[in-house]
Amino acid sequence: PVSVPISNWPSIFSGLEIIANCTTLSHRDTGGLASLFDLLISLGSSHEAKLVLADVGAELDYYPGTMTLISRKVLQQSIGPWDKGERLVIAHFMKDKIHSRVEVPRP
């Protein structure tokens, strides 16, 4: 049975992560389902970071104010170093095991 706090969770996403001034090695996030999308919001000041999606050969501008919906289980992604500025990312994500554990239907 679903507990009261879970039934009142205010978001479709099961987790939120704040990442500050970090590069990210190329990886896939294995905790979700291929059909689940994560919302990545790039914030900060004056940085010119790039989001690299190796599987599709893409290098995308990931400047402050950029929002990306991506299946991080399907696409391999990385963020390389940038020359100037501060970078902050707010990552909203869904983990399949959480849906299973609390018996919440998957979106």
PDB file of N, CA and C in Angstrom:
ATOM      1  N   PRO A   1       0.823  -1.198   0.000  1.00  0.00           N
ATOM      2  CA  PRO A   1       0.000   0.000   0.000  1.00  0.00           C
ATOM      3  C   PRO A   1       0.864   1.258   0.000  1.00  0.00           C
ATOM      4  N   VAL A   2       0.359   2.294  -0.612  1.00  0.00           N
ATOM      5  CA  VAL A   2       1.080   3.557  -0.715  1.00  0.00           C
ATOM      6  C   VAL A   2       0.897   4.343   0.571  1.00  0.00           C
ATOM      7  N   SER A   3       1.995   4.845   1.112  1.00  0.00           N
ATOM      8  CA  SER A   3       1.906   5.647   2.326  1.00  0.00           C
ATOM      9  C   SER A   3       1.406   7.046   1.995  1.00  0.00           C
ATOM     10  N   VAL A   4       0.949   7.757   3.004  1.00  0.00           N
ATOM     11  CA  VAL A   4       0.400   9.099   2.801  1.00  0.00           C
ATOM     12  C   VAL A   4       1.418  10.051   2.181  1.00  0.00           C
ATOM     13  N   PRO A   5       2.680  10.113   2.664  1.00  0.00           N
ATOM     14  CA  PRO A   5       3.625  11.047   2.029  1.00  0.00           C
ATOM     15  C   PRO A   5       3.839  10.768   0.544  1.00  0.00           C
ATOM     16  N   ILE A   6       3.922   9.501   0.158  1.00  0.00           N
ATOM     17  CA  ILE A   6       4.120   9.163  -1.248  1.00  0.00           C
ATOM     18  C   ILE A   6       2.903   9.574  -2.070  1.00  0.00           C
ATOM     19  N   SER A   7       1.718   9.357  -1.547  1.00  0.00           N
ATOM     20  CA  SER A   7       0.514   9.696  -2.308  1.00  0.00           C
ATOM     21  C   SER A   7       0.382  11.202  -2.509  1.00  0.00           C
ATOM     22  N   ASN A   8       1.080  11.992  -1.705  1.00  0.00           N
ATOM     23  CA  ASN A   8       1.026  13.449  -1.832  1.00  0.00           C
ATOM     24  C   ASN A   8       2.265  14.042  -2.502  1.00  0.00           C
ATOM     25  N   TRP A   9       3.133  13.190  -3.030  1.00  0.00           N
ATOM     26  CA  TRP A   9       4.358  13.677  -3.689  1.00  0.00           C
ATOM     27  C   TRP A   9       3.961  14.622  -4.816  1.00  0.00           C
ATOM     28  N   PRO A  10       4.515  15.822  -4.876  1.00  0.00           N
ATOM     29  CA  PRO A  10       4.021  16.852  -5.794  1.00  0.00           C
ATOM     30  C   PRO A  10       4.581  16.807  -7.219  1.00  0.00           C
ATOM     31  N   SER A  11       5.295  15.757  -7.568  1.00  0.00           N
ATOM     32  CA  SER A  11       5.968  15.743  -8.862  1.00  0.00           C
ATOM     33  C   SER A  11       5.861  14.377  -9.517  1.00  0.00           C
ATOM     34  N   ILE A  12       5.903  14.367 -10.840  1.00  0.00           N
ATOM     35  CA  ILE A  12       5.982  13.105 -11.565  1.00  0.00           C
ATOM     36  C   ILE A  12       7.359  12.465 -11.384  1.00  0.00           C
ATOM     37  N   PHE A  13       8.363  13.276 -11.074  1.00  0.00           N
ATOM     38  CA  PHE A  13       9.732  12.783 -10.904  1.00  0.00           C
ATOM     39  C   PHE A  13       9.910  12.228  -9.491  1.00  0.00           C
ATOM     40  N   SER A  14      10.647  11.127  -9.382  1.00  0.00           N
ATOM     41  CA  SER A  14      10.852  10.504  -8.071  1.00  0.00           C
ATOM     42  C   SER A  14      12.090  11.032  -7.357  1.00  0.00           C
ATOM     43  N   GLY A  15      12.911  11.810  -8.033  1.00  0.00           N
ATOM     44  CA  GLY A  15      14.107  12.348  -7.399  1.00  0.00           C
ATOM     45  C   GLY A  15      14.566  13.641  -8.037  1.00  0.00           C
ATOM     46  N   LEU A  16      15.406  14.340  -7.301  1.00  0.00           N
ATOM     47  CA  LEU A  16      15.962  15.604  -7.761  1.00  0.00           C
ATOM     48  C   LEU A  16      17.412  15.657  -7.290  1.00  0.00           C
ATOM     49  N   GLU A  17      18.281  16.084  -8.162  1.00  0.00           N
ATOM     50  CA  GLU A  17      19.706  16.166  -7.831  1.00  0.00           C
ATOM     51  C   GLU A  17      20.219  17.527  -8.280  1.00  0.00           C
ATOM     52  N   ILE A  18      21.051  18.138  -7.459  1.00  0.00           N
ATOM     53  CA  ILE A  18      21.679  19.413  -7.812  1.00  0.00           C
ATOM     54  C   ILE A  18      23.163  19.152  -7.996  1.00  0.00           C
ATOM     55  N   ILE A  19      23.666  19.518  -9.162  1.00  0.00           N
ATOM     56  CA  ILE A  19      25.062  19.279  -9.516  1.00  0.00           C
ATOM     57  C   ILE A  19      25.726  20.634  -9.743  1.00  0.00           C
ATOM     58  N   ALA A  20      26.811  20.914  -9.039  1.00  0.00           N
ATOM     59  CA  ALA A  20      27.469  22.214  -9.151  1.00  0.00           C
ATOM     60  C   ALA A  20      28.909  22.054  -9.631  1.00  0.00           C
ATOM     61  N   ASN A  21      29.215  22.742 -10.724  1.00  0.00           N
ATOM     62  CA  ASN A  21      30.582  22.852 -11.237  1.00  0.00           C
ATOM     63  C   ASN A  21      31.295  21.516 -11.391  1.00  0.00           C
ATOM     64  N   CYS A  22      30.603  20.535 -11.964  1.00  0.00           N
ATOM     65  CA  CYS A  22      31.193  19.211 -12.170  1.00  0.00           C
ATOM     66  C   CYS A  22      31.180  18.828 -13.645  1.00  0.00           C
ATOM     67  N   THR A  23      32.269  18.230 -14.084  1.00  0.00           N
ATOM     68  CA  THR A  23      32.237  17.551 -15.370  1.00  0.00           C
ATOM     69  C   THR A  23      31.636  16.169 -15.128  1.00  0.00           C
ATOM     70  N   THR A  24      31.131  15.552 -16.167  1.00  0.00           N
ATOM     71  CA  THR A  24      30.503  14.238 -16.045  1.00  0.00           C
ATOM     72  C   THR A  24      31.106  13.327 -17.101  1.00  0.00           C
ATOM     73  N   LEU A  25      31.665  12.216 -16.671  1.00  0.00           N
ATOM     74  CA  LEU A  25      32.206  11.245 -17.616  1.00  0.00           C
ATOM     75  C   LEU A  25      31.074  10.620 -18.418  1.00  0.00           C
ATOM     76  N   SER A  26      31.397  10.111 -19.569  1.00  0.00           N
ATOM     77  CA  SER A  26      30.400   9.493 -20.440  1.00  0.00           C
ATOM     78  C   SER A  26      29.765   8.297 -19.733  1.00  0.00           C
ATOM     79  N   HIS A  27      28.426   8.278 -19.701  1.00  0.00           N
ATOM     80  CA  HIS A  27      27.713   7.227 -18.980  1.00  0.00           C
ATOM     81  C   HIS A  27      26.256   7.161 -19.406  1.00  0.00           C
ATOM     82  N   ARG A  28      25.609   6.079 -19.009  1.00  0.00           N
ATOM     83  CA  ARG A  28      24.153   5.927 -19.079  1.00  0.00           C
ATOM     84  C   ARG A  28      23.671   5.776 -17.644  1.00  0.00           C
ATOM     85  N   ASP A  29      22.471   6.215 -17.363  1.00  0.00           N
ATOM     86  CA  ASP A  29      21.889   6.047 -16.033  1.00  0.00           C
ATOM     87  C   ASP A  29      20.988   4.825 -16.074  1.00  0.00           C
ATOM     88  N   THR A  30      21.374   3.799 -15.366  1.00  0.00           N
ATOM     89  CA  THR A  30      20.720   2.503 -15.495  1.00  0.00           C
ATOM     90  C   THR A  30      19.493   2.325 -14.608  1.00  0.00           C
ATOM     91  N   GLY A  31      19.183   3.282 -13.750  1.00  0.00           N
ATOM     92  CA  GLY A  31      18.103   3.094 -12.797  1.00  0.00           C
ATOM     93  C   GLY A  31      16.702   3.341 -13.314  1.00  0.00           C
ATOM     94  N   GLY A  32      16.567   3.878 -14.502  1.00  0.00           N
ATOM     95  CA  GLY A  32      15.242   4.179 -15.029  1.00  0.00           C
ATOM     96  C   GLY A  32      14.811   3.160 -16.069  1.00  0.00           C
ATOM     97  N   LEU A  33      13.731   3.474 -16.725  1.00  0.00           N
ATOM     98  CA  LEU A  33      13.271   2.691 -17.867  1.00  0.00           C
ATOM     99  C   LEU A  33      13.591   3.468 -19.138  1.00  0.00           C
ATOM    100  N   ALA A  34      13.725   2.783 -20.235  1.00  0.00           N
ATOM    101  CA  ALA A  34      14.011   3.466 -21.503  1.00  0.00           C
ATOM    102  C   ALA A  34      12.912   4.465 -21.862  1.00  0.00           C
ATOM    103  N   SER A  35      11.691   4.209 -21.406  1.00  0.00           N
ATOM    104  CA  SER A  35      10.565   5.092 -21.737  1.00  0.00           C
ATOM    105  C   SER A  35      10.443   6.289 -20.797  1.00  0.00           C
ATOM    106  N   LEU A  36      11.273   6.355 -19.752  1.00  0.00           N
ATOM    107  CA  LEU A  36      11.213   7.483 -18.818  1.00  0.00           C
ATOM    108  C   LEU A  36      12.218   8.552 -19.221  1.00  0.00           C
ATOM    109  N   PHE A  37      11.772   9.795 -19.190  1.00  0.00           N
ATOM    110  CA  PHE A  37      12.636  10.916 -19.536  1.00  0.00           C
ATOM    111  C   PHE A  37      12.993  11.701 -18.282  1.00  0.00           C
ATOM    112  N   ASP A  38      14.233  12.180 -18.236  1.00  0.00           N
ATOM    113  CA  ASP A  38      14.703  13.033 -17.148  1.00  0.00           C
ATOM    114  C   ASP A  38      14.748  14.465 -17.642  1.00  0.00           C
ATOM    115  N   LEU A  39      14.476  15.395 -16.748  1.00  0.00           N
ATOM    116  CA  LEU A  39      14.519  16.819 -17.079  1.00  0.00           C
ATOM    117  C   LEU A  39      15.794  17.398 -16.483  1.00  0.00           C
ATOM    118  N   LEU A  40      16.655  17.932 -17.347  1.00  0.00           N
ATOM    119  CA  LEU A  40      17.906  18.557 -16.919  1.00  0.00           C
ATOM    120  C   LEU A  40      17.806  20.052 -17.189  1.00  0.00           C
ATOM    121  N   ILE A  41      18.075  20.853 -16.170  1.00  0.00           N
ATOM    122  CA  ILE A  41      18.020  22.308 -16.301  1.00  0.00           C
ATOM    123  C   ILE A  41      19.411  22.854 -16.022  1.00  0.00           C
ATOM    124  N   SER A  42      19.995  23.494 -17.016  1.00  0.00           N
ATOM    125  CA  SER A  42      21.334  24.062 -16.882  1.00  0.00           C
ATOM    126  C   SER A  42      21.206  25.519 -16.433  1.00  0.00           C
ATOM    127  N   LEU A  43      21.868  25.829 -15.332  1.00  0.00           N
ATOM    128  CA  LEU A  43      21.851  27.190 -14.787  1.00  0.00           C
ATOM    129  C   LEU A  43      23.289  27.634 -14.563  1.00  0.00           C
ATOM    130  N   GLY A  44      23.472  28.806 -14.019  1.00  0.00           N
ATOM    131  CA  GLY A  44      24.808  29.293 -13.717  1.00  0.00           C
ATOM    132  C   GLY A  44      25.045  30.649 -14.346  1.00  0.00           C
ATOM    133  N   SER A  45      26.311  30.964 -14.527  1.00  0.00           N
ATOM    134  CA  SER A  45      26.659  32.271 -15.076  1.00  0.00           C
ATOM    135  C   SER A  45      27.798  32.148 -16.080  1.00  0.00           C
ATOM    136  N   SER A  46      27.546  32.627 -17.263  1.00  0.00           N
ATOM    137  CA  SER A  46      28.579  32.824 -18.298  1.00  0.00           C
ATOM    138  C   SER A  46      29.353  31.574 -18.693  1.00  0.00           C
ATOM    139  N   HIS A  47      28.836  30.365 -18.468  1.00  0.00           N
ATOM    140  CA  HIS A  47      29.577  29.186 -18.903  1.00  0.00           C
ATOM    141  C   HIS A  47      29.126  28.771 -20.304  1.00  0.00           C
ATOM    142  N   GLU A  48      29.982  28.055 -20.980  1.00  0.00           N
ATOM    143  CA  GLU A  48      29.683  27.568 -22.326  1.00  0.00           C
ATOM    144  C   GLU A  48      29.875  26.051 -22.367  1.00  0.00           C
ATOM    145  N   ALA A  49      29.239  25.370 -21.422  1.00  0.00           N
ATOM    146  CA  ALA A  49      29.358  23.909 -21.344  1.00  0.00           C
ATOM    147  C   ALA A  49      28.667  23.263 -22.542  1.00  0.00           C
ATOM    148  N   LYS A  50      29.068  22.041 -22.853  1.00  0.00           N
ATOM    149  CA  LYS A  50      28.492  21.249 -23.946  1.00  0.00           C
ATOM    150  C   LYS A  50      27.961  19.938 -23.385  1.00  0.00           C
ATOM    151  N   LEU A  51      26.787  19.542 -23.840  1.00  0.00           N
ATOM    152  CA  LEU A  51      26.210  18.240 -23.533  1.00  0.00           C
ATOM    153  C   LEU A  51      26.539  17.336 -24.709  1.00  0.00           C
ATOM    154  N   VAL A  52      27.299  16.284 -24.454  1.00  0.00           N
ATOM    155  CA  VAL A  52      27.725  15.373 -25.518  1.00  0.00           C
ATOM    156  C   VAL A  52      26.883  14.098 -25.438  1.00  0.00           C
ATOM    157  N   LEU A  53      26.228  13.770 -26.546  1.00  0.00           N
ATOM    158  CA  LEU A  53      25.454  12.535 -26.667  1.00  0.00           C
ATOM    159  C   LEU A  53      26.198  11.650 -27.662  1.00  0.00           C
ATOM    160  N   ALA A  54      27.078  10.811 -27.142  1.00  0.00           N
ATOM    161  CA  ALA A  54      27.996  10.030 -27.973  1.00  0.00           C
ATOM    162  C   ALA A  54      27.271   9.090 -28.931  1.00  0.00           C
ATOM    163  N   ASP A  55      26.163   8.501 -28.500  1.00  0.00           N
ATOM    164  CA  ASP A  55      25.451   7.522 -29.332  1.00  0.00           C
ATOM    165  C   ASP A  55      24.959   8.101 -30.654  1.00  0.00           C
ATOM    166  N   VAL A  56      24.631   9.368 -30.637  1.00  0.00           N
ATOM    167  CA  VAL A  56      24.105  10.006 -31.855  1.00  0.00           C
ATOM    168  C   VAL A  56      25.084  11.023 -32.436  1.00  0.00           C
ATOM    169  N   GLY A  57      26.297  11.074 -31.885  1.00  0.00           N
ATOM    170  CA  GLY A  57      27.325  11.965 -32.407  1.00  0.00           C
ATOM    171  C   GLY A  57      26.986  13.438 -32.271  1.00  0.00           C
ATOM    172  N   ALA A  58      26.304  13.810 -31.175  1.00  0.00           N
ATOM    173  CA  ALA A  58      25.881  15.204 -31.002  1.00  0.00           C
ATOM    174  C   ALA A  58      26.655  15.882 -29.880  1.00  0.00           C
ATOM    175  N   GLU A  59      27.004  17.134 -30.105  1.00  0.00           N
ATOM    176  CA  GLU A  59      27.573  17.996 -29.076  1.00  0.00           C
ATOM    177  C   GLU A  59      26.707  19.246 -29.044  1.00  0.00           C
ATOM    178  N   LEU A  60      25.938  19.408 -27.981  1.00  0.00           N
ATOM    179  CA  LEU A  60      24.918  20.453 -27.903  1.00  0.00           C
ATOM    180  C   LEU A  60      25.317  21.546 -26.930  1.00  0.00           C
ATOM    181  N   ASP A  61      24.997  22.795 -27.271  1.00  0.00           N
ATOM    182  CA  ASP A  61      25.196  23.897 -26.332  1.00  0.00           C
ATOM    183  C   ASP A  61      24.369  23.628 -25.086  1.00  0.00           C
ATOM    184  N   TYR A  62      24.977  23.817 -23.929  1.00  0.00           N
ATOM    185  CA  TYR A  62      24.320  23.540 -22.657  1.00  0.00           C
ATOM    186  C   TYR A  62      24.453  24.762 -21.752  1.00  0.00           C
ATOM    187  N   TYR A  63      24.168  25.913 -22.355  1.00  0.00           N
ATOM    188  CA  TYR A  63      24.339  27.203 -21.697  1.00  0.00           C
ATOM    189  C   TYR A  63      23.311  27.394 -20.584  1.00  0.00           C
ATOM    190  N   PRO A  64      23.514  28.380 -19.693  1.00  0.00           N
ATOM    191  CA  PRO A  64      22.522  28.674 -18.665  1.00  0.00           C
ATOM    192  C   PRO A  64      21.146  28.939 -19.301  1.00  0.00           C
ATOM    193  N   GLY A  65      20.125  28.347 -18.709  1.00  0.00           N
ATOM    194  CA  GLY A  65      18.766  28.504 -19.223  1.00  0.00           C
ATOM    195  C   GLY A  65      18.316  27.374 -20.127  1.00  0.00           C
ATOM    196  N   THR A  66      19.222  26.449 -20.457  1.00  0.00           N
ATOM    197  CA  THR A  66      18.875  25.320 -21.324  1.00  0.00           C
ATOM    198  C   THR A  66      18.130  24.262 -20.515  1.00  0.00           C
ATOM    199  N   MET A  67      17.026  23.773 -21.072  1.00  0.00           N
ATOM    200  CA  MET A  67      16.285  22.655 -20.475  1.00  0.00           C
ATOM    201  C   MET A  67      16.291  21.515 -21.476  1.00  0.00           C
ATOM    202  N   THR A  68      16.554  20.297 -20.988  1.00  0.00           N
ATOM    203  CA  THR A  68      16.651  19.125 -21.847  1.00  0.00           C
ATOM    204  C   THR A  68      15.851  17.983 -21.248  1.00  0.00           C
ATOM    205  N   LEU A  69      15.028  17.342 -22.064  1.00  0.00           N
ATOM    206  CA  LEU A  69      14.373  16.086 -21.684  1.00  0.00           C
ATOM    207  C   LEU A  69      15.108  14.981 -22.417  1.00  0.00           C
ATOM    208  N   ILE A  70      15.594  13.995 -21.670  1.00  0.00           N
ATOM    209  CA  ILE A  70      16.431  12.964 -22.266  1.00  0.00           C
ATOM    210  C   ILE A  70      16.206  11.635 -21.551  1.00  0.00           C
ATOM    211  N   SER A  71      16.213  10.560 -22.304  1.00  0.00           N
ATOM    212  CA  SER A  71      16.207   9.233 -21.698  1.00  0.00           C
ATOM    213  C   SER A  71      17.658   8.875 -21.424  1.00  0.00           C
ATOM    214  N   ARG A  72      18.080   9.113 -20.199  1.00  0.00           N
ATOM    215  CA  ARG A  72      19.488   8.908 -19.856  1.00  0.00           C
ATOM    216  C   ARG A  72      19.835   7.430 -19.734  1.00  0.00           C
ATOM    217  N   LYS A  73      18.845   6.562 -19.749  1.00  0.00           N
ATOM    218  CA  LYS A  73      19.132   5.127 -19.796  1.00  0.00           C
ATOM    219  C   LYS A  73      19.509   4.717 -21.221  1.00  0.00           C
ATOM    220  N   VAL A  74      18.922   5.376 -22.211  1.00  0.00           N
ATOM    221  CA  VAL A  74      19.140   5.029 -23.612  1.00  0.00           C
ATOM    222  C   VAL A  74      20.373   5.725 -24.175  1.00  0.00           C
ATOM    223  N   LEU A  75      20.509   7.014 -23.921  1.00  0.00           N
ATOM    224  CA  LEU A  75      21.589   7.798 -24.525  1.00  0.00           C
ATOM    225  C   LEU A  75      22.768   7.972 -23.569  1.00  0.00           C
ATOM    226  N   GLN A  76      23.937   7.701 -24.070  1.00  0.00           N
ATOM    227  CA  GLN A  76      25.173   7.928 -23.323  1.00  0.00           C
ATOM    228  C   GLN A  76      25.452   9.422 -23.355  1.00  0.00           C
ATOM    229  N   GLN A  77      25.681  10.026 -22.179  1.00  0.00           N
ATOM    230  CA  GLN A  77      25.883  11.472 -22.126  1.00  0.00           C
ATOM    231  C   GLN A  77      27.090  11.828 -21.274  1.00  0.00           C
ATOM    232  N   SER A  78      27.641  13.018 -21.554  1.00  0.00           N
ATOM    233  CA  SER A  78      28.747  13.539 -20.757  1.00  0.00           C
ATOM    234  C   SER A  78      28.744  15.061 -20.850  1.00  0.00           C
ATOM    235  N   ILE A  79      29.383  15.680 -19.867  1.00  0.00           N
ATOM    236  CA  ILE A  79      29.611  17.125 -19.865  1.00  0.00           C
ATOM    237  C   ILE A  79      31.100  17.309 -19.654  1.00  0.00           C
ATOM    238  N   GLY A  80      31.769  17.895 -20.631  1.00  0.00           N
ATOM    239  CA  GLY A  80      33.209  18.114 -20.520  1.00  0.00           C
ATOM    240  C   GLY A  80      33.523  19.393 -19.775  1.00  0.00           C
ATOM    241  N   PRO A  81      34.796  19.709 -19.636  1.00  0.00           N
ATOM    242  CA  PRO A  81      35.188  20.946 -18.958  1.00  0.00           C
ATOM    243  C   PRO A  81      34.792  22.178 -19.768  1.00  0.00           C
ATOM    244  N   TRP A  82      34.631  23.281 -19.110  1.00  0.00           N
ATOM    245  CA  TRP A  82      34.317  24.554 -19.759  1.00  0.00           C
ATOM    246  C   TRP A  82      35.317  25.580 -19.242  1.00  0.00           C
ATOM    247  N   ASP A  83      35.474  26.675 -19.991  1.00  0.00           N
ATOM    248  CA  ASP A  83      36.541  27.635 -19.718  1.00  0.00           C
ATOM    249  C   ASP A  83      36.245  28.642 -18.618  1.00  0.00           C
ATOM    250  N   LYS A  84      35.002  29.087 -18.498  1.00  0.00           N
ATOM    251  CA  LYS A  84      34.724  30.166 -17.546  1.00  0.00           C
ATOM    252  C   LYS A  84      33.330  29.994 -16.961  1.00  0.00           C
ATOM    253  N   GLY A  85      33.077  30.719 -15.885  1.00  0.00           N
ATOM    254  CA  GLY A  85      31.748  30.754 -15.302  1.00  0.00           C
ATOM    255  C   GLY A  85      31.447  29.607 -14.350  1.00  0.00           C
ATOM    256  N   GLU A  86      30.314  29.739 -13.704  1.00  0.00           N
ATOM    257  CA  GLU A  86      29.812  28.751 -12.759  1.00  0.00           C
ATOM    258  C   GLU A  86      28.704  27.952 -13.429  1.00  0.00           C
ATOM    259  N   ARG A  87      28.647  26.642 -13.163  1.00  0.00           N
ATOM    260  CA  ARG A  87      27.616  25.796 -13.775  1.00  0.00           C
ATOM    261  C   ARG A  87      26.855  25.053 -12.688  1.00  0.00           C
ATOM    262  N   LEU A  88      25.542  25.089 -12.806  1.00  0.00           N
ATOM    263  CA  LEU A  88      24.652  24.397 -11.884  1.00  0.00           C
ATOM    264  C   LEU A  88      23.616  23.668 -12.724  1.00  0.00           C
ATOM    265  N   VAL A  89      23.367  22.412 -12.403  1.00  0.00           N
ATOM    266  CA  VAL A  89      22.340  21.638 -13.098  1.00  0.00           C
ATOM    267  C   VAL A  89      21.371  21.101 -12.059  1.00  0.00           C
ATOM    268  N   ILE A  90      20.096  21.244 -12.347  1.00  0.00           N
ATOM    269  CA  ILE A  90      19.069  20.602 -11.543  1.00  0.00           C
ATOM    270  C   ILE A  90      18.526  19.466 -12.392  1.00  0.00           C
ATOM    271  N   ALA A  91      18.726  18.245 -11.916  1.00  0.00           N
ATOM    272  CA  ALA A  91      18.297  17.047 -12.646  1.00  0.00           C
ATOM    273  C   ALA A  91      17.083  16.451 -11.944  1.00  0.00           C
ATOM    274  N   HIS A  92      15.978  16.389 -12.662  1.00  0.00           N
ATOM    275  CA  HIS A  92      14.763  15.727 -12.173  1.00  0.00           C
ATOM    276  C   HIS A  92      14.732  14.359 -12.852  1.00  0.00           C
ATOM    277  N   PHE A  93      14.550  13.297 -12.085  1.00  0.00           N
ATOM    278  CA  PHE A  93      14.620  11.963 -12.683  1.00  0.00           C
ATOM    279  C   PHE A  93      13.611  11.020 -12.052  1.00  0.00           C
ATOM    280  N   MET A  94      13.402   9.892 -12.737  1.00  0.00           N
ATOM    281  CA  MET A  94      12.518   8.841 -12.248  1.00  0.00           C
ATOM    282  C   MET A  94      13.326   7.546 -12.157  1.00  0.00           C
ATOM    283  N   LYS A  95      13.196   6.849 -11.069  1.00  0.00           N
ATOM    284  CA  LYS A  95      13.866   5.567 -10.872  1.00  0.00           C
ATOM    285  C   LYS A  95      12.814   4.465 -10.829  1.00  0.00           C
ATOM    286  N   ASP A  96      12.999   3.465 -11.640  1.00  0.00           N
ATOM    287  CA  ASP A  96      12.038   2.385 -11.754  1.00  0.00           C
ATOM    288  C   ASP A  96      11.829   1.654 -10.428  1.00  0.00           C
ATOM    289  N   LYS A  97      12.890   1.427  -9.665  1.00  0.00           N
ATOM    290  CA  LYS A  97      12.771   0.701  -8.394  1.00  0.00           C
ATOM    291  C   LYS A  97      11.898   1.449  -7.390  1.00  0.00           C
ATOM    292  N   ILE A  98      11.898   2.770  -7.449  1.00  0.00           N
ATOM    293  CA  ILE A  98      11.039   3.537  -6.540  1.00  0.00           C
ATOM    294  C   ILE A  98       9.580   3.313  -6.894  1.00  0.00           C
ATOM    295  N   HIS A  99       9.255   3.348  -8.184  1.00  0.00           N
ATOM    296  CA  HIS A  99       7.880   3.065  -8.596  1.00  0.00           C
ATOM    297  C   HIS A  99       7.453   1.685  -8.113  1.00  0.00           C
ATOM    298  N   SER A 100       8.322   0.694  -8.266  1.00  0.00           N
ATOM    299  CA  SER A 100       8.001  -0.667  -7.837  1.00  0.00           C
ATOM    300  C   SER A 100       7.833  -0.744  -6.322  1.00  0.00           C
ATOM    301  N   ARG A 101       8.749  -0.134  -5.594  1.00  0.00           N
ATOM    302  CA  ARG A 101       8.736  -0.220  -4.122  1.00  0.00           C
ATOM    303  C   ARG A 101       7.474   0.383  -3.519  1.00  0.00           C
ATOM    304  N   VAL A 102       7.022   1.518  -4.022  1.00  0.00           N
ATOM    305  CA  VAL A 102       5.867   2.197  -3.439  1.00  0.00           C
ATOM    306  C   VAL A 102       4.573   1.881  -4.192  1.00  0.00           C
ATOM    307  N   GLU A 103       4.671   0.978  -5.157  1.00  0.00           N
ATOM    308  CA  GLU A 103       3.515   0.524  -5.917  1.00  0.00           C
ATOM    309  C   GLU A 103       2.766   1.664  -6.599  1.00  0.00           C
ATOM    310  N   VAL A 104       3.549   2.534  -7.229  1.00  0.00           N
ATOM    311  CA  VAL A 104       2.975   3.639  -8.002  1.00  0.00           C
ATOM    312  C   VAL A 104       3.092   3.282  -9.478  1.00  0.00           C
ATOM    313  N   PRO A 105       2.008   3.433 -10.228  1.00  0.00           N
ATOM    314  CA  PRO A 105       2.097   3.132 -11.678  1.00  0.00           C
ATOM    315  C   PRO A 105       3.128   4.036 -12.360  1.00  0.00           C
ATOM    316  N   ARG A 106       3.818   3.480 -13.329  1.00  0.00           N
ATOM    317  CA  ARG A 106       4.786   4.258 -14.089  1.00  0.00           C
ATOM    318  C   ARG A 106       4.056   5.188 -15.044  1.00  0.00           C
ATOM    319  N   PRO A 107       4.596   6.372 -15.220  1.00  0.00           N
ATOM    320  CA  PRO A 107       3.959   7.315 -16.172  1.00  0.00           C
ATOM    321  C   PRO A 107       4.061   6.818 -17.599  1.00  0.00           C
TER     322      PRO A 107
END
